[in-house]
C-alpha atoms as a PDB file:
ATOM      1  CA  MET A   1      97.131 101.719 -42.201  1.00  0.00           C
ATOM      2  CA  ALA A   2      98.217 105.220 -43.027  1.00  0.00           C
ATOM      3  CA  LYS A   3      97.138 105.258 -46.675  1.00  0.00           C
ATOM      4  CA  THR A   4      93.450 105.835 -47.129  1.00  0.00           C
ATOM      5  CA  ASP A   5      93.167 107.063 -50.711  1.00  0.00           C
ATOM      6  CA  TYR A   6      93.238 103.765 -52.572  1.00  0.00           C
ATOM      7  CA  LYS A   7      92.758 103.932 -56.331  1.00  0.00           C
ATOM      8  CA  THR A   8      93.014 100.207 -57.065  1.00  0.00           C
ATOM      9  CA  ILE A   9      92.444  96.887 -55.364  1.00  0.00           C
ATOM     10  CA  ASP A  10      96.163  96.156 -55.700  1.00  0.00           C
ATOM     11  CA  GLU A  11      96.946  99.283 -53.655  1.00  0.00           C
ATOM     12  CA  TYR A  12      94.515  98.121 -50.971  1.00  0.00           C
ATOM     13  CA  HIS A  13      96.030  94.631 -50.849  1.00  0.00           C
ATOM     14  CA  LYS A  14      99.630  95.885 -50.580  1.00  0.00           C
ATOM     15  CA  VAL A  15      99.122  97.482 -47.160  1.00  0.00           C
ATOM     16  CA  HIS A  16      98.125  94.173 -45.569  1.00  0.00           C
ATOM     17  CA  PRO A  17     100.265  91.223 -44.416  1.00  0.00           C
ATOM     18  CA  ALA A  18     101.064  88.589 -47.067  1.00  0.00           C
ATOM     19  CA  GLU A  19      98.689  85.979 -45.607  1.00  0.00           C
ATOM     20  CA  VAL A  20      95.802  88.454 -45.619  1.00  0.00           C
ATOM     21  CA  GLN A  21      96.702  89.495 -49.168  1.00  0.00           C
ATOM     22  CA  GLN A  22      96.450  85.851 -50.247  1.00  0.00           C
ATOM     23  CA  ARG A  23      93.039  85.486 -48.614  1.00  0.00           C
ATOM     24  CA  MET A  24      91.756  88.629 -50.318  1.00  0.00           C
ATOM     25  CA  GLN A  25      93.236  87.533 -53.643  1.00  0.00           C
ATOM     26  CA  SER A  26      91.316  84.254 -53.331  1.00  0.00           C
ATOM     27  CA  ILE A  27      88.062  86.194 -53.071  1.00  0.00           C
ATOM     28  CA  ARG A  28      89.070  88.406 -55.992  1.00  0.00           C
ATOM     29  CA  GLU A  29      89.777  85.347 -58.146  1.00  0.00           C
ATOM     30  CA  ILE A  30      86.437  83.769 -57.231  1.00  0.00           C
ATOM     31  CA  VAL A  31      84.583  86.912 -58.277  1.00  0.00           C
ATOM     32  CA  HIS A  32      86.357  86.974 -61.638  1.00  0.00           C
ATOM     33  CA  LYS A  33      85.689  83.263 -62.231  1.00  0.00           C
ATOM     34  CA  VAL A  34      81.986  83.536 -61.387  1.00  0.00           C
ATOM     35  CA  VAL A  35      81.446  86.962 -62.973  1.00  0.00           C
ATOM     36  CA  PRO A  36      84.143  87.522 -65.617  1.00  0.00           C
ATOM     37  CA  GLU A  37      82.472  90.786 -66.616  1.00  0.00           C
ATOM     38  CA  ALA A  38      82.804  92.248 -63.108  1.00  0.00           C
ATOM     39  CA  GLU A  39      84.501  95.623 -62.903  1.00  0.00           C
ATOM     40  CA  GLU A  40      86.999  96.242 -60.098  1.00  0.00           C
ATOM     41  CA  VAL A  41      86.555  99.509 -58.226  1.00  0.00           C
ATOM     42  CA  ILE A  42      87.336 101.026 -54.873  1.00  0.00           C
ATOM     43  CA  SER A  43      84.211 102.138 -53.026  1.00  0.00           C
ATOM     44  CA  TYR A  44      84.199 103.365 -49.439  1.00  0.00           C
ATOM     45  CA  GLN A  45      87.993 102.858 -49.639  1.00  0.00           C
ATOM     46  CA  ILE A  46      87.626  99.066 -49.912  1.00  0.00           C
ATOM     47  CA  PRO A  47      87.648  96.636 -52.857  1.00  0.00           C
ATOM     48  CA  CYS A  48      84.338  96.397 -54.681  1.00  0.00           C
ATOM     49  CA  PHE A  49      83.075  94.649 -57.776  1.00  0.00           C
ATOM     50  CA  LYS A  50      80.367  96.020 -60.019  1.00  0.00           C
ATOM     51  CA  TYR A  51      78.200  93.992 -62.348  1.00  0.00           C
ATOM     52  CA  LYS A  52      74.828  95.458 -63.250  1.00  0.00           C
ATOM     53  CA  GLY A  53      75.180  97.429 -60.027  1.00  0.00           C
ATOM     54  CA  TYR A  54      77.231  96.742 -56.929  1.00  0.00           C
ATOM     55  CA  LEU A  55      77.994  93.041 -56.628  1.00  0.00           C
ATOM     56  CA  VAL A  56      80.147  92.511 -53.510  1.00  0.00           C
ATOM     57  CA  TYR A  57      82.749  94.257 -51.413  1.00  0.00           C
ATOM     58  CA  TYR A  58      85.455  92.786 -49.228  1.00  0.00           C
ATOM     59  CA  SER A  59      87.756  94.237 -46.618  1.00  0.00           C
ATOM     60  CA  ALA A  60      90.412  93.143 -44.179  1.00  0.00           C
ATOM     61  CA  ALA A  61      90.402  93.727 -40.446  1.00  0.00           C
ATOM     62  CA  SER A  62      92.905  92.572 -37.860  1.00  0.00           C
ATOM     63  CA  LYS A  63      91.087  89.297 -37.122  1.00  0.00           C
ATOM     64  CA  HIS A  64      88.832  88.678 -40.108  1.00  0.00           C
ATOM     65  CA  ILE A  65      87.945  89.393 -43.702  1.00  0.00           C
ATOM     66  CA  SER A  66      84.473  90.692 -44.392  1.00  0.00           C
ATOM     67  CA  LEU A  67      82.451  90.001 -47.481  1.00  0.00           C
ATOM     68  CA  SER A  68      79.839  92.709 -47.691  1.00  0.00           C
ATOM     69  CA  ASN A  69      76.941  94.271 -49.516  1.00  0.00           C
ATOM     70  CA  PRO A  70      73.500  95.214 -48.300  1.00  0.00           C
ATOM     71  CA  TRP A  71      72.373  91.552 -48.297  1.00  0.00           C
ATOM     72  CA  SER A  72      68.855  90.735 -49.385  1.00  0.00           C
ATOM     73  CA  ALA A  73      66.566  88.749 -47.110  1.00  0.00           C
ATOM     74  CA  GLY A  74      66.560  86.067 -49.811  1.00  0.00           C
ATOM     75  CA  LEU A  75      70.331  85.707 -49.765  1.00  0.00           C
ATOM     76  CA  LEU A  76      70.474  85.518 -45.979  1.00  0.00           C
ATOM     77  CA  LYS A  77      67.701  82.903 -45.958  1.00  0.00           C
ATOM     78  CA  THR A  78      69.272  80.851 -48.771  1.00  0.00           C
ATOM     79  CA  PHE A  79      72.630  80.658 -46.985  1.00  0.00           C
ATOM     80  CA  GLU A  80      71.303  80.618 -43.411  1.00  0.00           C
ATOM     81  CA  LYS A  81      72.672  77.141 -42.583  1.00  0.00           C
ATOM     82  CA  ASP A  82      76.004  77.790 -44.310  1.00  0.00           C
ATOM     83  CA  LEU A  83      76.486  81.014 -42.361  1.00  0.00           C
ATOM     84  CA  LYS A  84      76.000  79.462 -38.917  1.00  0.00           C
ATOM     85  CA  GLY A  85      79.170  80.012 -36.927  1.00  0.00           C
ATOM     86  CA  TYR A  86      80.062  83.266 -38.709  1.00  0.00           C
ATOM     87  CA  LYS A  87      79.308  86.762 -37.518  1.00  0.00           C
ATOM     88  CA  VAL A  88      76.646  87.986 -39.952  1.00  0.00           C
ATOM     89  CA  SER A  89      74.812  91.287 -40.214  1.00  0.00           C
ATOM     90  CA  LYS A  90      72.469  92.704 -42.835  1.00  0.00           C
ATOM     91  CA  SER A  91      75.505  93.955 -44.730  1.00  0.00           C
ATOM     92  CA  ALA A  92      78.569  91.857 -43.805  1.00  0.00           C
ATOM     93  CA  ILE A  93      79.800  88.336 -43.223  1.00  0.00           C
ATOM     94  CA  GLN A  94      83.005  87.979 -41.214  1.00  0.00           C
ATOM     95  CA  PHE A  95      85.400  85.128 -41.965  1.00  0.00           C
ATOM     96  CA  PRO A  96      87.948  84.780 -39.118  1.00  0.00           C
ATOM     97  CA  ASN A  97      91.584  84.823 -40.224  1.00  0.00           C
ATOM     98  CA  GLN A  98      92.357  81.799 -38.039  1.00  0.00           C
ATOM     99  CA  ASP A  99      90.035  79.614 -40.171  1.00  0.00           C
ATOM    100  CA  PRO A 100      90.356  78.632 -43.833  1.00  0.00           C
ATOM    101  CA  LEU A 101      88.203  80.740 -46.113  1.00  0.00           C
ATOM    102  CA  PRO A 102      85.013  78.901 -47.134  1.00  0.00           C
ATOM    103  CA  LEU A 103      85.794  79.301 -50.830  1.00  0.00           C
ATOM    104  CA  ASP A 104      82.835  77.240 -52.050  1.00  0.00           C
ATOM    105  CA  LEU A 105      80.429  79.290 -49.933  1.00  0.00           C
ATOM    106  CA  ILE A 106      81.935  82.550 -51.198  1.00  0.00           C
ATOM    107  CA  LYS A 107      81.603  81.270 -54.775  1.00  0.00           C
ATOM    108  CA  ARG A 108      77.934  80.431 -54.211  1.00  0.00           C
ATOM    109  CA  ILE A 109      77.253  83.825 -52.600  1.00  0.00           C
ATOM    110  CA  VAL A 110      78.861  85.645 -55.530  1.00  0.00           C
ATOM    111  CA  ALA A 111      76.833  83.543 -57.991  1.00  0.00           C
ATOM    112  CA  TYR A 112      73.655  84.358 -56.059  1.00  0.00           C
ATOM    113  CA  ARG A 113      74.500  88.074 -56.113  1.00  0.00           C
ATOM    114  CA  LYS A 114      75.102  87.862 -59.864  1.00  0.00           C
ATOM    115  CA  LYS A 115      71.616  86.415 -60.328  1.00  0.00           C
ATOM    116  CA  GLU A 116      70.138  89.079 -58.057  1.00  0.00           C
ATOM    117  CA  ASN A 117      71.769  91.823 -60.113  1.00  0.00           C
ATOM    118  CA  GLU A 118      70.457  90.217 -63.290  1.00  0.00           C
ATOM    119  CA  GLY A 119      66.984  90.165 -61.747  1.00  0.00           C
ATOM    120  CA  LYS A 120      66.899  86.363 -61.804  1.00  0.00           C
ATOM    121  CA  ALA A 121      67.098  85.513 -58.087  1.00  0.00           C
END
């Protein structure tokens, strides 16, 4: 990827293969369904959504898509069983490109993050 000065999420998506674009678009749509008020931004040169602070980021790599944010201990504990089988760190969850995206899990994570940002989690 030669371009590294993205201004919009669309610009970020366009440099990736069509299948990866579709996977990222699925995450984008989930965020907007769960948090319609979310603002799209580019932060650290990757797609980010803000709602009462930073909500979630996502990014594409050659073999996976990462959903990221500095995850709280509560979030990691709440989704511990769901996240088995994925590479997880304190700030990222990797979803391998060879597997279908766990859309329901992503939806629940975004909803949890919304509650955290509202101070309700």
